[in-house]
Amino acid sequence: MGIAESTPDELPSDAEEQLRSGEQQLELSGRRLRRLPGAVCALGRLQKLYVSGAGLRELPEEIEELRELRILALDSNKLERLPDGLCRLPRLARLYLGGNRLRALPADFAQLQSLRCLWIEGNFLRRFPRPLLRLVALQSLQMGDNRLRALPAELPRMTGLRGLWLYGNRFEEFPPALLRMGRLHILDLDRNRLGGFPDLQPLRALRVFSYDHNPVTGPPRVADTVFLVGEGAVERMAERDEPTPRVPPRRPARAFEDDEEEELLIGGAGARVLGNSAGGPRALEAPPGLGT
């Protein structure tokens, strides 16, 4: 006799055991769900929900009932749209949407004013979603492997942004708005179609600039404190009087999800996650206590 499967609206059989730990965390990744069980939306105290690689094609509007949710992982699914209900999660701080089929974000996405980290890489975005411009507290924005060709002139409104990943898009010219992002620590433009760069020295807060796999002949002008990744970067950094800085992570490991991860988003101590040429991450654990 086979194991009885739960109906689409029921919680998986092991859900109660997971929740019994008191952490208010539910892991449903890797299960064939197609849609989120309705019973999940009744878990009003849930704080962390992971539903990665589960074959999800849709989300219920009732997801807005998860009022305490802080972390939501929906990456590597088949989502083509997001419900408006997802935009009404007042405590949501980290949202992982990479590897879906999204072409746009809902207009109400701007209501997610607690959002600090958004990964939306590997989707079908042709234009920068304008609701993001109103998320002034967003610190980390992962938009690699989309279809972007330009950035809006209003981008500097995002005054909280510290890390911006735009690798694998279709930029042919360096977006002028980036020159006014004076608080950026990390800027990744790998695998675009850029033929040159302006002087980036005015970006005083920049710690790492990655421009590899673009049709350029050498690195741009940057401050000596910037770690460069790309053609001629090693030679340029070797000419400096100061020691070469360490590279911050491209994609911070999900294991660091609380205050420690906040530090990782802007290049602090802990795990070091560097993307390879294909965009995949590899985690390197650093000994505790290393600072910047």
C-alpha atoms as a PDB file:
ATOM      1  CA  MET A   1       0.000   0.000   0.000  1.00  0.00           C
ATOM      2  CA  GLY A   2       1.412   3.368  -1.008  1.00  0.00           C
ATOM      3  CA  ILE A   3       1.666   6.448   1.200  1.00  0.00           C
ATOM      4  CA  ALA A   4      -1.441   8.581   1.092  1.00  0.00           C
ATOM      5  CA  GLU A   5      -0.900  11.949  -0.561  1.00  0.00           C
ATOM      6  CA  SER A   6      -2.392  15.157   0.765  1.00  0.00           C
ATOM      7  CA  THR A   7      -4.987  16.983  -1.297  1.00  0.00           C
ATOM      8  CA  PRO A   8      -3.949  20.284  -2.933  1.00  0.00           C
ATOM      9  CA  ASP A   9      -5.478  22.288  -0.059  1.00  0.00           C
ATOM     10  CA  GLU A  10      -4.035  20.221   2.793  1.00  0.00           C
ATOM     11  CA  LEU A  11      -0.727  20.626   4.567  1.00  0.00           C
ATOM     12  CA  PRO A  12       1.902  17.969   3.778  1.00  0.00           C
ATOM     13  CA  SER A  13       2.032  15.159   6.304  1.00  0.00           C
ATOM     14  CA  ASP A  14       5.292  16.362   7.867  1.00  0.00           C
ATOM     15  CA  ALA A  15       4.228  20.008   8.214  1.00  0.00           C
ATOM     16  CA  GLU A  16       3.047  19.690  11.810  1.00  0.00           C
ATOM     17  CA  GLU A  17       6.363  18.124  12.781  1.00  0.00           C
ATOM     18  CA  GLN A  18       8.237  21.031  11.179  1.00  0.00           C
ATOM     19  CA  LEU A  19       6.108  23.625  12.949  1.00  0.00           C
ATOM     20  CA  ARG A  20       6.366  21.836  16.285  1.00  0.00           C
ATOM     21  CA  SER A  21       9.954  23.074  16.607  1.00  0.00           C
ATOM     22  CA  GLY A  22       8.593  26.518  17.405  1.00  0.00           C
ATOM     23  CA  GLU A  23      10.622  28.271  14.687  1.00  0.00           C
ATOM     24  CA  GLN A  24       7.538  29.102  12.609  1.00  0.00           C
ATOM     25  CA  GLN A  25       9.318  27.850   9.497  1.00  0.00           C
ATOM     26  CA  LEU A  26       7.939  25.602   6.757  1.00  0.00           C
ATOM     27  CA  GLU A  27      10.079  23.894   4.096  1.00  0.00           C
ATOM     28  CA  LEU A  28       8.156  22.679   1.045  1.00  0.00           C
ATOM     29  CA  SER A  29      10.930  22.940  -1.537  1.00  0.00           C
ATOM     30  CA  GLY A  30      11.343  20.217  -4.129  1.00  0.00           C
ATOM     31  CA  ARG A  31       7.810  18.877  -3.823  1.00  0.00           C
ATOM     32  CA  ARG A  32       5.461  18.682  -6.772  1.00  0.00           C
ATOM     33  CA  LEU A  33       2.747  21.073  -5.708  1.00  0.00           C
ATOM     34  CA  ARG A  34       1.678  23.034  -8.813  1.00  0.00           C
ATOM     35  CA  ARG A  35      -0.170  25.363  -6.436  1.00  0.00           C
ATOM     36  CA  LEU A  36       0.418  26.351  -2.828  1.00  0.00           C
ATOM     37  CA  PRO A  37      -1.816  24.357  -0.459  1.00  0.00           C
ATOM     38  CA  GLY A  38      -4.581  26.600   0.843  1.00  0.00           C
ATOM     39  CA  ALA A  39      -3.952  25.410   4.396  1.00  0.00           C
ATOM     40  CA  VAL A  40      -0.514  27.088   4.339  1.00  0.00           C
ATOM     41  CA  CYS A  41      -2.200  30.482   4.144  1.00  0.00           C
ATOM     42  CA  ALA A  42      -3.975  29.755   7.417  1.00  0.00           C
ATOM     43  CA  LEU A  43      -0.653  29.603   9.310  1.00  0.00           C
ATOM     44  CA  GLY A  44      -0.911  33.189  10.490  1.00  0.00           C
ATOM     45  CA  ARG A  45       2.207  33.006  12.696  1.00  0.00           C
ATOM     46  CA  LEU A  46       4.497  31.614   9.983  1.00  0.00           C
ATOM     47  CA  GLN A  47       7.698  33.635   9.541  1.00  0.00           C
ATOM     48  CA  LYS A  48       9.703  31.675   6.944  1.00  0.00           C
ATOM     49  CA  LEU A  49       8.274  29.803   3.975  1.00  0.00           C
ATOM     50  CA  TYR A  50      10.411  27.960   1.424  1.00  0.00           C
ATOM     51  CA  VAL A  51       8.720  26.623  -1.707  1.00  0.00           C
ATOM     52  CA  SER A  52      11.627  26.469  -4.172  1.00  0.00           C
ATOM     53  CA  GLY A  53      11.622  24.125  -7.164  1.00  0.00           C
ATOM     54  CA  ALA A  54       8.121  22.830  -6.467  1.00  0.00           C
ATOM     55  CA  GLY A  55       6.588  23.335  -9.917  1.00  0.00           C
ATOM     56  CA  LEU A  56       4.323  26.155  -8.712  1.00  0.00           C
ATOM     57  CA  ARG A  57       2.315  27.782 -11.481  1.00  0.00           C
ATOM     58  CA  GLU A  58       0.179  30.057  -9.334  1.00  0.00           C
ATOM     59  CA  LEU A  59      -0.193  31.510  -5.857  1.00  0.00           C
ATOM     60  CA  PRO A  60      -3.494  32.084  -4.051  1.00  0.00           C
ATOM     61  CA  GLU A  61      -4.633  35.589  -3.160  1.00  0.00           C
ATOM     62  CA  GLU A  62      -5.006  34.271   0.399  1.00  0.00           C
ATOM     63  CA  ILE A  63      -1.214  34.388   0.773  1.00  0.00           C
ATOM     64  CA  GLU A  64      -1.796  37.875   2.189  1.00  0.00           C
ATOM     65  CA  GLU A  65      -3.032  36.186   5.371  1.00  0.00           C
ATOM     66  CA  LEU A  66       0.593  35.344   6.287  1.00  0.00           C
ATOM     67  CA  ARG A  67       0.972  38.683   8.055  1.00  0.00           C
ATOM     68  CA  GLU A  68       4.055  37.642  10.061  1.00  0.00           C
ATOM     69  CA  LEU A  69       6.004  36.290   7.078  1.00  0.00           C
ATOM     70  CA  ARG A  70       9.546  37.652   6.839  1.00  0.00           C
ATOM     71  CA  ILE A  71      11.194  35.317   4.310  1.00  0.00           C
ATOM     72  CA  LEU A  72       9.499  33.851   1.236  1.00  0.00           C
ATOM     73  CA  ALA A  73      11.391  31.657  -1.251  1.00  0.00           C
ATOM     74  CA  LEU A  74       9.572  30.952  -4.508  1.00  0.00           C
ATOM     75  CA  ASP A  75      12.576  30.520  -6.797  1.00  0.00           C
ATOM     76  CA  SER A  76      12.850  27.885  -9.551  1.00  0.00           C
ATOM     77  CA  ASN A  77       9.138  27.512 -10.145  1.00  0.00           C
ATOM     78  CA  LYS A  78       6.881  28.276 -13.130  1.00  0.00           C
ATOM     79  CA  LEU A  79       5.189  31.455 -11.954  1.00  0.00           C
ATOM     80  CA  GLU A  80       4.082  33.821 -14.731  1.00  0.00           C
ATOM     81  CA  ARG A  81       2.427  36.372 -12.469  1.00  0.00           C
ATOM     82  CA  LEU A  82       2.220  37.320  -8.807  1.00  0.00           C
ATOM     83  CA  PRO A  83      -1.086  37.840  -7.002  1.00  0.00           C
ATOM     84  CA  ASP A  84      -1.867  41.222  -5.483  1.00  0.00           C
ATOM     85  CA  GLY A  85      -2.165  39.450  -2.147  1.00  0.00           C
ATOM     86  CA  LEU A  86       1.589  38.880  -2.059  1.00  0.00           C
ATOM     87  CA  CYS A  87       2.029  42.655  -2.064  1.00  0.00           C
ATOM     88  CA  ARG A  88       0.181  42.913   1.244  1.00  0.00           C
ATOM     89  CA  LEU A  89       2.717  41.167   3.484  1.00  0.00           C
ATOM     90  CA  PRO A  90       3.727  43.964   5.877  1.00  0.00           C
ATOM     91  CA  ARG A  91       6.776  42.252   7.434  1.00  0.00           C
ATOM     92  CA  LEU A  92       8.268  40.598   4.349  1.00  0.00           C
ATOM     93  CA  ALA A  93      12.004  41.384   4.267  1.00  0.00           C
ATOM     94  CA  ARG A  94      13.434  38.816   1.827  1.00  0.00           C
ATOM     95  CA  LEU A  95      11.766  37.585  -1.327  1.00  0.00           C
ATOM     96  CA  TYR A  96      13.333  35.070  -3.703  1.00  0.00           C
ATOM     97  CA  LEU A  97      11.679  34.898  -7.139  1.00  0.00           C
ATOM     98  CA  GLY A  98      14.567  33.796  -9.355  1.00  0.00           C
ATOM     99  CA  GLY A  99      14.111  31.251 -12.111  1.00  0.00           C
ATOM    100  CA  ASN A 100      10.433  31.820 -12.847  1.00  0.00           C
ATOM    101  CA  ARG A 101       8.611  33.193 -15.912  1.00  0.00           C
ATOM    102  CA  LEU A 102       7.777  36.684 -14.713  1.00  0.00           C
ATOM    103  CA  ARG A 103       7.505  39.488 -17.267  1.00  0.00           C
ATOM    104  CA  ALA A 104       6.370  42.193 -14.837  1.00  0.00           C
ATOM    105  CA  LEU A 105       5.534  42.886 -11.202  1.00  0.00           C
ATOM    106  CA  PRO A 106       2.139  44.011  -9.864  1.00  0.00           C
ATOM    107  CA  ALA A 107       1.641  47.745  -9.396  1.00  0.00           C
ATOM    108  CA  ASP A 108       0.983  47.084  -5.699  1.00  0.00           C
ATOM    109  CA  PHE A 109       4.463  45.585  -5.294  1.00  0.00           C
ATOM    110  CA  ALA A 110       5.499  49.011  -4.014  1.00  0.00           C
ATOM    111  CA  GLN A 111       3.517  48.295  -0.837  1.00  0.00           C
ATOM    112  CA  LEU A 112       6.269  45.914   0.336  1.00  0.00           C
ATOM    113  CA  GLN A 113       7.974  48.648   2.320  1.00  0.00           C
ATOM    114  CA  SER A 114       9.733  46.197   4.676  1.00  0.00           C
ATOM    115  CA  LEU A 115      11.521  44.474   1.774  1.00  0.00           C
ATOM    116  CA  ARG A 116      15.315  44.543   2.093  1.00  0.00           C
ATOM    117  CA  CYS A 117      16.414  41.804  -0.318  1.00  0.00           C
ATOM    118  CA  LEU A 118      14.842  40.880  -3.667  1.00  0.00           C
ATOM    119  CA  TRP A 119      16.190  38.207  -5.990  1.00  0.00           C
ATOM    120  CA  ILE A 120      14.377  38.170  -9.310  1.00  0.00           C
ATOM    121  CA  GLU A 121      17.137  36.831 -11.538  1.00  0.00           C
ATOM    122  CA  GLY A 122      16.459  34.459 -14.412  1.00  0.00           C
ATOM    123  CA  ASN A 123      13.039  35.792 -15.423  1.00  0.00           C
ATOM    124  CA  PHE A 124      11.734  37.481 -18.598  1.00  0.00           C
ATOM    125  CA  LEU A 125      11.878  41.129 -17.551  1.00  0.00           C
ATOM    126  CA  ARG A 126      12.386  43.475 -20.504  1.00  0.00           C
ATOM    127  CA  ARG A 127      11.824  46.674 -18.535  1.00  0.00           C
ATOM    128  CA  PHE A 128      12.826  47.669 -15.041  1.00  0.00           C
ATOM    129  CA  PRO A 129       9.671  47.264 -12.896  1.00  0.00           C
ATOM    130  CA  ARG A 130       8.689  50.780 -11.868  1.00  0.00           C
ATOM    131  CA  PRO A 131       7.112  49.727  -8.528  1.00  0.00           C
ATOM    132  CA  LEU A 132      10.648  48.975  -7.344  1.00  0.00           C
ATOM    133  CA  LEU A 133      11.506  52.667  -7.513  1.00  0.00           C
ATOM    134  CA  ARG A 134       9.297  53.236  -4.469  1.00  0.00           C
ATOM    135  CA  LEU A 135      11.116  50.646  -2.340  1.00  0.00           C
ATOM    136  CA  VAL A 136      13.560  53.128  -0.855  1.00  0.00           C
ATOM    137  CA  ALA A 137      14.641  50.715   1.907  1.00  0.00           C
ATOM    138  CA  LEU A 138      15.596  47.876  -0.475  1.00  0.00           C
ATOM    139  CA  GLN A 139      19.284  47.047   0.014  1.00  0.00           C
ATOM    140  CA  SER A 140      19.975  44.117  -2.328  1.00  0.00           C
ATOM    141  CA  LEU A 141      18.485  43.750  -5.806  1.00  0.00           C
ATOM    142  CA  GLN A 142      19.392  40.697  -7.900  1.00  0.00           C
ATOM    143  CA  MET A 143      18.213  41.135 -11.509  1.00  0.00           C
ATOM    144  CA  GLY A 144      20.755  39.047 -13.402  1.00  0.00           C
ATOM    145  CA  ASP A 145      19.822  36.982 -16.467  1.00  0.00           C
ATOM    146  CA  ASN A 146      16.818  39.010 -17.553  1.00  0.00           C
ATOM    147  CA  ARG A 147      16.348  41.009 -20.787  1.00  0.00           C
ATOM    148  CA  LEU A 148      16.931  44.559 -19.621  1.00  0.00           C
ATOM    149  CA  ARG A 149      18.373  47.119 -22.053  1.00  0.00           C
ATOM    150  CA  ALA A 150      18.016  50.300 -19.984  1.00  0.00           C
ATOM    151  CA  LEU A 151      17.434  51.588 -16.459  1.00  0.00           C
ATOM    152  CA  PRO A 152      15.042  54.393 -15.505  1.00  0.00           C
ATOM    153  CA  ALA A 153      16.443  57.842 -14.787  1.00  0.00           C
ATOM    154  CA  GLU A 154      14.633  57.727 -11.434  1.00  0.00           C
ATOM    155  CA  LEU A 155      16.778  54.816 -10.173  1.00  0.00           C
ATOM    156  CA  PRO A 156      18.627  57.050  -7.631  1.00  0.00           C
ATOM    157  CA  ARG A 157      15.349  57.297  -5.719  1.00  0.00           C
ATOM    158  CA  MET A 158      16.292  53.868  -4.340  1.00  0.00           C
ATOM    159  CA  THR A 159      18.525  55.428  -1.718  1.00  0.00           C
ATOM    160  CA  GLY A 160      18.845  52.280   0.372  1.00  0.00           C
ATOM    161  CA  LEU A 161      20.304  50.163  -2.438  1.00  0.00           C
ATOM    162  CA  ARG A 162      23.769  48.785  -1.679  1.00  0.00           C
ATOM    163  CA  GLY A 163      24.050  45.794  -4.013  1.00  0.00           C
ATOM    164  CA  LEU A 164      22.820  45.683  -7.626  1.00  0.00           C
ATOM    165  CA  TRP A 165      23.341  42.620  -9.825  1.00  0.00           C
ATOM    166  CA  LEU A 166      22.609  43.144 -13.538  1.00  0.00           C
ATOM    167  CA  TYR A 167      24.744  40.430 -15.142  1.00  0.00           C
ATOM    168  CA  GLY A 168      23.442  38.568 -18.179  1.00  0.00           C
ATOM    169  CA  ASN A 169      21.175  41.315 -19.504  1.00  0.00           C
ATOM    170  CA  ARG A 170      21.297  43.246 -22.810  1.00  0.00           C
ATOM    171  CA  PHE A 171      22.885  46.575 -21.951  1.00  0.00           C
ATOM    172  CA  GLU A 172      24.856  48.039 -24.849  1.00  0.00           C
ATOM    173  CA  GLU A 173      25.674  51.301 -23.072  1.00  0.00           C
ATOM    174  CA  PHE A 174      26.479  51.978 -19.445  1.00  0.00           C
ATOM    175  CA  PRO A 175      23.183  53.163 -17.889  1.00  0.00           C
ATOM    176  CA  PRO A 176      23.643  56.872 -16.967  1.00  0.00           C
ATOM    177  CA  ALA A 177      21.461  56.539 -13.867  1.00  0.00           C
ATOM    178  CA  LEU A 178      24.106  54.310 -12.257  1.00  0.00           C
ATOM    179  CA  LEU A 179      26.502  57.256 -12.086  1.00  0.00           C
ATOM    180  CA  ARG A 180      24.152  58.850  -9.564  1.00  0.00           C
ATOM    181  CA  MET A 181      23.999  55.776  -7.317  1.00  0.00           C
ATOM    182  CA  GLY A 182      26.613  57.087  -4.936  1.00  0.00           C
ATOM    183  CA  ARG A 183      25.784  54.646  -2.141  1.00  0.00           C
ATOM    184  CA  LEU A 184      26.219  51.434  -4.122  1.00  0.00           C
ATOM    185  CA  HIS A 185      28.762  48.979  -2.690  1.00  0.00           C
ATOM    186  CA  ILE A 186      28.412  46.207  -5.284  1.00  0.00           C
ATOM    187  CA  LEU A 187      27.687  46.572  -9.007  1.00  0.00           C
ATOM    188  CA  ASP A 188      27.715  43.533 -11.300  1.00  0.00           C
ATOM    189  CA  LEU A 189      27.420  44.035 -15.084  1.00  0.00           C
ATOM    190  CA  ASP A 190      28.960  40.746 -16.250  1.00  0.00           C
ATOM    191  CA  ARG A 191      27.822  39.254 -19.549  1.00  0.00           C
ATOM    192  CA  ASN A 192      26.260  42.279 -21.190  1.00  0.00           C
ATOM    193  CA  ARG A 193      27.190  44.044 -24.456  1.00  0.00           C
ATOM    194  CA  LEU A 194      29.057  47.017 -23.047  1.00  0.00           C
ATOM    195  CA  GLY A 195      31.818  48.444 -25.220  1.00  0.00           C
ATOM    196  CA  GLY A 196      33.143  50.949 -22.695  1.00  0.00           C
ATOM    197  CA  PHE A 197      32.651  52.712 -19.399  1.00  0.00           C
ATOM    198  CA  PRO A 198      32.563  56.261 -18.089  1.00  0.00           C
ATOM    199  CA  ASP A 199      34.775  57.327 -15.202  1.00  0.00           C
ATOM    200  CA  LEU A 200      33.383  55.520 -12.142  1.00  0.00           C
ATOM    201  CA  GLN A 201      35.523  57.305  -9.564  1.00  0.00           C
ATOM    202  CA  PRO A 202      32.571  59.444  -8.399  1.00  0.00           C
ATOM    203  CA  LEU A 203      30.982  56.240  -7.024  1.00  0.00           C
ATOM    204  CA  ARG A 204      32.810  56.690  -3.720  1.00  0.00           C
ATOM    205  CA  ALA A 205      31.051  53.884  -1.826  1.00  0.00           C
ATOM    206  CA  LEU A 206      31.739  51.230  -4.490  1.00  0.00           C
ATOM    207  CA  ARG A 207      33.597  48.171  -3.193  1.00  0.00           C
ATOM    208  CA  VAL A 208      33.339  45.769  -6.128  1.00  0.00           C
ATOM    209  CA  PHE A 209      32.665  46.263  -9.822  1.00  0.00           C
ATOM    210  CA  SER A 210      32.314  43.227 -12.073  1.00  0.00           C
ATOM    211  CA  TYR A 211      32.337  43.745 -15.836  1.00  0.00           C
ATOM    212  CA  ASP A 212      33.645  40.419 -17.152  1.00  0.00           C
ATOM    213  CA  HIS A 213      32.483  38.986 -20.504  1.00  0.00           C
ATOM    214  CA  ASN A 214      31.760  42.357 -22.114  1.00  0.00           C
ATOM    215  CA  PRO A 215      33.408  43.538 -25.366  1.00  0.00           C
ATOM    216  CA  VAL A 216      35.732  45.972 -23.570  1.00  0.00           C
ATOM    217  CA  THR A 217      39.516  46.170 -23.798  1.00  0.00           C
ATOM    218  CA  GLY A 218      40.236  47.112 -20.205  1.00  0.00           C
ATOM    219  CA  PRO A 219      38.872  48.165 -16.837  1.00  0.00           C
ATOM    220  CA  PRO A 220      37.210  51.503 -16.135  1.00  0.00           C
ATOM    221  CA  ARG A 221      38.660  54.190 -13.896  1.00  0.00           C
ATOM    222  CA  VAL A 222      37.628  53.481 -10.320  1.00  0.00           C
ATOM    223  CA  ALA A 223      38.873  54.316  -6.836  1.00  0.00           C
ATOM    224  CA  ASP A 224      41.777  52.201  -5.569  1.00  0.00           C
ATOM    225  CA  THR A 225      39.511  50.651  -2.951  1.00  0.00           C
ATOM    226  CA  VAL A 226      37.341  48.911  -5.577  1.00  0.00           C
ATOM    227  CA  PHE A 227      37.785  45.202  -6.327  1.00  0.00           C
ATOM    228  CA  LEU A 228      37.593  44.688 -10.106  1.00  0.00           C
ATOM    229  CA  VAL A 229      36.485  41.549 -11.946  1.00  0.00           C
ATOM    230  CA  GLY A 230      37.053  41.459 -15.703  1.00  0.00           C
ATOM    231  CA  GLU A 231      39.546  41.944 -18.547  1.00  0.00           C
ATOM    232  CA  GLY A 232      42.700  43.615 -17.255  1.00  0.00           C
ATOM    233  CA  ALA A 233      41.462  43.762 -13.656  1.00  0.00           C
ATOM    234  CA  VAL A 234      44.343  41.808 -12.123  1.00  0.00           C
ATOM    235  CA  GLU A 235      46.944  44.000 -13.806  1.00  0.00           C
ATOM    236  CA  ARG A 236      45.158  47.200 -12.836  1.00  0.00           C
ATOM    237  CA  MET A 237      44.873  46.204  -9.174  1.00  0.00           C
ATOM    238  CA  ALA A 238      48.513  45.079  -9.099  1.00  0.00           C
ATOM    239  CA  GLU A 239      49.554  48.672  -9.918  1.00  0.00           C
ATOM    240  CA  ARG A 240      47.958  50.023  -6.758  1.00  0.00           C
ATOM    241  CA  ASP A 241      49.887  51.049  -3.679  1.00  0.00           C
ATOM    242  CA  GLU A 242      47.248  49.651  -1.318  1.00  0.00           C
ATOM    243  CA  PRO A 243      46.517  45.902  -0.847  1.00  0.00           C
ATOM    244  CA  THR A 244      43.852  44.443  -3.110  1.00  0.00           C
ATOM    245  CA  PRO A 245      40.499  44.418  -1.303  1.00  0.00           C
ATOM    246  CA  ARG A 246      38.569  41.187  -0.869  1.00  0.00           C
ATOM    247  CA  VAL A 247      35.634  40.550  -3.170  1.00  0.00           C
ATOM    248  CA  PRO A 248      32.164  40.664  -1.554  1.00  0.00           C
ATOM    249  CA  PRO A 249      29.622  37.932  -2.359  1.00  0.00           C
ATOM    250  CA  ARG A 250      27.589  37.888  -5.551  1.00  0.00           C
ATOM    251  CA  ARG A 251      24.831  35.899  -3.911  1.00  0.00           C
ATOM    252  CA  PRO A 252      24.834  35.570  -0.112  1.00  0.00           C
ATOM    253  CA  ALA A 253      24.126  32.055   1.111  1.00  0.00           C
ATOM    254  CA  ARG A 254      20.568  31.557   2.293  1.00  0.00           C
ATOM    255  CA  ALA A 255      21.887  30.021   5.519  1.00  0.00           C
ATOM    256  CA  PHE A 256      22.652  33.578   6.688  1.00  0.00           C
ATOM    257  CA  GLU A 257      19.123  34.925   6.878  1.00  0.00           C
ATOM    258  CA  ASP A 258      19.001  37.262   9.809  1.00  0.00           C
ATOM    259  CA  ASP A 259      21.243  40.160  10.833  1.00  0.00           C
ATOM    260  CA  GLU A 260      24.298  38.249   9.624  1.00  0.00           C
ATOM    261  CA  GLU A 261      22.976  38.133   6.090  1.00  0.00           C
ATOM    262  CA  GLU A 262      22.271  41.849   6.165  1.00  0.00           C
ATOM    263  CA  GLU A 263      26.011  42.335   6.604  1.00  0.00           C
ATOM    264  CA  LEU A 264      26.753  39.930   3.773  1.00  0.00           C
ATOM    265  CA  LEU A 265      24.612  41.952   1.384  1.00  0.00           C
ATOM    266  CA  ILE A 266      27.121  44.779   1.595  1.00  0.00           C
ATOM    267  CA  GLY A 267      30.278  42.672   1.754  1.00  0.00           C
ATOM    268  CA  GLY A 268      30.756  41.852   5.420  1.00  0.00           C
ATOM    269  CA  ALA A 269      32.314  38.812   7.077  1.00  0.00           C
ATOM    270  CA  GLY A 270      31.101  35.217   6.947  1.00  0.00           C
ATOM    271  CA  ALA A 271      30.283  33.145   3.873  1.00  0.00           C
ATOM    272  CA  ARG A 272      31.750  34.226   0.558  1.00  0.00           C
ATOM    273  CA  VAL A 273      29.651  33.299  -2.457  1.00  0.00           C
ATOM    274  CA  LEU A 274      31.116  34.033  -5.870  1.00  0.00           C
ATOM    275  CA  GLY A 275      29.366  33.433  -9.163  1.00  0.00           C
ATOM    276  CA  ASN A 276      31.218  31.479 -11.842  1.00  0.00           C
ATOM    277  CA  SER A 277      31.094  32.394 -15.512  1.00  0.00           C
ATOM    278  CA  ALA A 278      27.781  30.587 -15.928  1.00  0.00           C
ATOM    279  CA  GLY A 279      26.202  32.502 -13.096  1.00  0.00           C
ATOM    280  CA  GLY A 280      26.062  29.641 -10.600  1.00  0.00           C
ATOM    281  CA  PRO A 281      27.228  30.257  -7.044  1.00  0.00           C
ATOM    282  CA  ARG A 282      29.826  28.400  -5.037  1.00  0.00           C
ATOM    283  CA  ALA A 283      29.955  28.942  -1.308  1.00  0.00           C
ATOM    284  CA  LEU A 284      33.212  29.462   0.548  1.00  0.00           C
ATOM    285  CA  GLU A 285      33.047  29.477   4.329  1.00  0.00           C
ATOM    286  CA  ALA A 286      35.270  32.021   6.033  1.00  0.00           C
ATOM    287  CA  PRO A 287      36.421  31.586   9.631  1.00  0.00           C
ATOM    288  CA  PRO A 288      34.277  33.432  12.170  1.00  0.00           C
ATOM    289  CA  GLY A 289      35.462  36.799  13.340  1.00  0.00           C
ATOM    290  CA  LEU A 290      36.811  38.090  10.016  1.00  0.00           C
ATOM    291  CA  GLY A 291      35.764  41.680   9.521  1.00  0.00           C
ATOM    292  CA  THR A 292      36.118  44.172   6.735  1.00  0.00           C
END
